[in-house]
Amino acid sequence: MRPIIEYCTNNSGFGTDDIMNKLKENYDCEVYEYGCLTGCGMCYLSPYALFDGDTVEAETAEQLYDLIVKKIKEKEQNQSEE
């Protein structure tokens, strides 16, 4: 099953939209943009996204990208072991 990554349009000021496009281009994942993820203020504090429903946040968009890539690889590894 492909990872599902969701992010908030309001978080784009951190460059989140750019890394989401990079994820779509480089990895087999589904990326969804929403007007609001009901994080109630998280999107104004730091780059964040939901990875299969779990919150992932970082200090920079590039760090967020790296964390999500790590989660994608972990998920692929777990699926190949099953």
C-alpha atoms as a PDB file:
ATOM      1  CA  MET A   1       0.000   0.000   0.000  1.00  0.00           C
ATOM      2  CA  ARG A   2       1.334   3.409  -0.982  1.00  0.00           C
ATOM      3  CA  PRO A   3       2.024   5.939   1.768  1.00  0.00           C
ATOM      4  CA  ILE A   4      -0.480   8.780   2.057  1.00  0.00           C
ATOM      5  CA  ILE A   5       0.991  12.196   2.794  1.00  0.00           C
ATOM      6  CA  GLU A   6      -1.282  15.126   3.559  1.00  0.00           C
ATOM      7  CA  TYR A   7      -0.341  18.751   4.038  1.00  0.00           C
ATOM      8  CA  CYS A   8      -2.023  22.067   4.687  1.00  0.00           C
ATOM      9  CA  THR A   9      -2.036  24.861   2.109  1.00  0.00           C
ATOM     10  CA  ASN A  10      -1.450  27.317   4.954  1.00  0.00           C
ATOM     11  CA  ASN A  11       1.879  25.592   5.656  1.00  0.00           C
ATOM     12  CA  SER A  12       3.223  26.429   2.188  1.00  0.00           C
ATOM     13  CA  GLY A  13       5.018  29.505   3.515  1.00  0.00           C
ATOM     14  CA  PHE A  14       7.627  27.139   4.929  1.00  0.00           C
ATOM     15  CA  GLY A  15       8.202  25.547   1.505  1.00  0.00           C
ATOM     16  CA  THR A  16       6.106  22.498   2.295  1.00  0.00           C
ATOM     17  CA  ASP A  17       4.439  22.592  -1.127  1.00  0.00           C
ATOM     18  CA  ASP A  18       7.841  22.402  -2.847  1.00  0.00           C
ATOM     19  CA  ILE A  19       8.915  19.303  -0.937  1.00  0.00           C
ATOM     20  CA  MET A  20       5.543  17.663  -1.550  1.00  0.00           C
ATOM     21  CA  ASN A  21       6.038  18.105  -5.290  1.00  0.00           C
ATOM     22  CA  LYS A  22       9.514  16.617  -4.904  1.00  0.00           C
ATOM     23  CA  LEU A  23       8.050  13.624  -3.043  1.00  0.00           C
ATOM     24  CA  LYS A  24       5.464  13.047  -5.795  1.00  0.00           C
ATOM     25  CA  GLU A  25       8.188  13.141  -8.451  1.00  0.00           C
ATOM     26  CA  ASN A  26      10.660  10.861  -6.669  1.00  0.00           C
ATOM     27  CA  TYR A  27       8.622   8.372  -4.631  1.00  0.00           C
ATOM     28  CA  ASP A  28       5.618   6.099  -5.049  1.00  0.00           C
ATOM     29  CA  CYS A  29       3.280   7.901  -2.672  1.00  0.00           C
ATOM     30  CA  GLU A  30      -0.016   9.737  -2.665  1.00  0.00           C
ATOM     31  CA  VAL A  31       0.167  13.423  -1.741  1.00  0.00           C
ATOM     32  CA  TYR A  32      -2.923  15.438  -0.889  1.00  0.00           C
ATOM     33  CA  GLU A  33      -3.157  19.169  -0.274  1.00  0.00           C
ATOM     34  CA  TYR A  34      -5.922  20.453   1.979  1.00  0.00           C
ATOM     35  CA  GLY A  35      -7.029  23.929   2.946  1.00  0.00           C
ATOM     36  CA  CYS A  36      -6.815  22.876   6.581  1.00  0.00           C
ATOM     37  CA  LEU A  37      -5.797  19.752   8.472  1.00  0.00           C
ATOM     38  CA  THR A  38      -7.312  21.055  11.725  1.00  0.00           C
ATOM     39  CA  GLY A  39      -3.868  21.260  13.304  1.00  0.00           C
ATOM     40  CA  CYS A  40      -5.086  24.493  14.903  1.00  0.00           C
ATOM     41  CA  GLY A  41      -1.991  26.617  14.628  1.00  0.00           C
ATOM     42  CA  MET A  42       0.644  23.988  13.835  1.00  0.00           C
ATOM     43  CA  CYS A  43       0.830  25.209  10.264  1.00  0.00           C
ATOM     44  CA  TYR A  44       1.946  28.645  11.460  1.00  0.00           C
ATOM     45  CA  LEU A  45       4.709  27.294  13.699  1.00  0.00           C
ATOM     46  CA  SER A  46       6.746  24.865  11.589  1.00  0.00           C
ATOM     47  CA  PRO A  47       6.705  22.667   8.487  1.00  0.00           C
ATOM     48  CA  TYR A  48       4.511  19.631   9.070  1.00  0.00           C
ATOM     49  CA  ALA A  49       2.497  16.985   7.284  1.00  0.00           C
ATOM     50  CA  LEU A  50       0.554  13.844   8.041  1.00  0.00           C
ATOM     51  CA  PHE A  51       2.147  10.550   7.040  1.00  0.00           C
ATOM     52  CA  ASP A  52      -0.467   7.799   7.001  1.00  0.00           C
ATOM     53  CA  GLY A  53      -2.389   9.870   9.546  1.00  0.00           C
ATOM     54  CA  ASP A  54       0.538  10.512  11.915  1.00  0.00           C
ATOM     55  CA  THR A  55       1.935  14.023  12.391  1.00  0.00           C
ATOM     56  CA  VAL A  56       5.483  14.618  11.177  1.00  0.00           C
ATOM     57  CA  GLU A  57       7.081  17.996  11.859  1.00  0.00           C
ATOM     58  CA  ALA A  58      10.510  19.546  11.524  1.00  0.00           C
ATOM     59  CA  GLU A  59      12.337  22.859  11.817  1.00  0.00           C
ATOM     60  CA  THR A  60      12.761  23.260   8.045  1.00  0.00           C
ATOM     61  CA  ALA A  61      11.044  21.975   4.929  1.00  0.00           C
ATOM     62  CA  GLU A  62      14.167  20.035   3.933  1.00  0.00           C
ATOM     63  CA  GLN A  63      14.277  18.321   7.325  1.00  0.00           C
ATOM     64  CA  LEU A  64      10.594  17.457   6.891  1.00  0.00           C
ATOM     65  CA  TYR A  65      11.397  16.010   3.468  1.00  0.00           C
ATOM     66  CA  ASP A  66      14.168  13.865   4.959  1.00  0.00           C
ATOM     67  CA  LEU A  67      11.888  12.594   7.743  1.00  0.00           C
ATOM     68  CA  ILE A  68       9.147  11.679   5.278  1.00  0.00           C
ATOM     69  CA  VAL A  69      11.613   9.927   2.959  1.00  0.00           C
ATOM     70  CA  LYS A  70      12.865   7.930   5.954  1.00  0.00           C
ATOM     71  CA  LYS A  71       9.279   6.920   6.781  1.00  0.00           C
ATOM     72  CA  ILE A  72       8.619   5.936   3.152  1.00  0.00           C
ATOM     73  CA  LYS A  73      11.711   3.716   3.135  1.00  0.00           C
ATOM     74  CA  GLU A  74      10.767   2.150   6.481  1.00  0.00           C
ATOM     75  CA  LYS A  75       7.292   1.391   5.165  1.00  0.00           C
ATOM     76  CA  GLU A  76       8.708  -0.142   1.969  1.00  0.00           C
ATOM     77  CA  GLN A  77      11.095  -2.264   4.052  1.00  0.00           C
ATOM     78  CA  ASN A  78       8.290  -3.480   6.313  1.00  0.00           C
ATOM     79  CA  GLN A  79       6.103  -4.370   3.335  1.00  0.00           C
ATOM     80  CA  SER A  80       8.893  -6.305   1.637  1.00  0.00           C
ATOM     81  CA  GLU A  81       9.422  -8.356   4.806  1.00  0.00           C
ATOM     82  CA  GLU A  82       5.762  -9.418   4.936  1.00  0.00           C
END
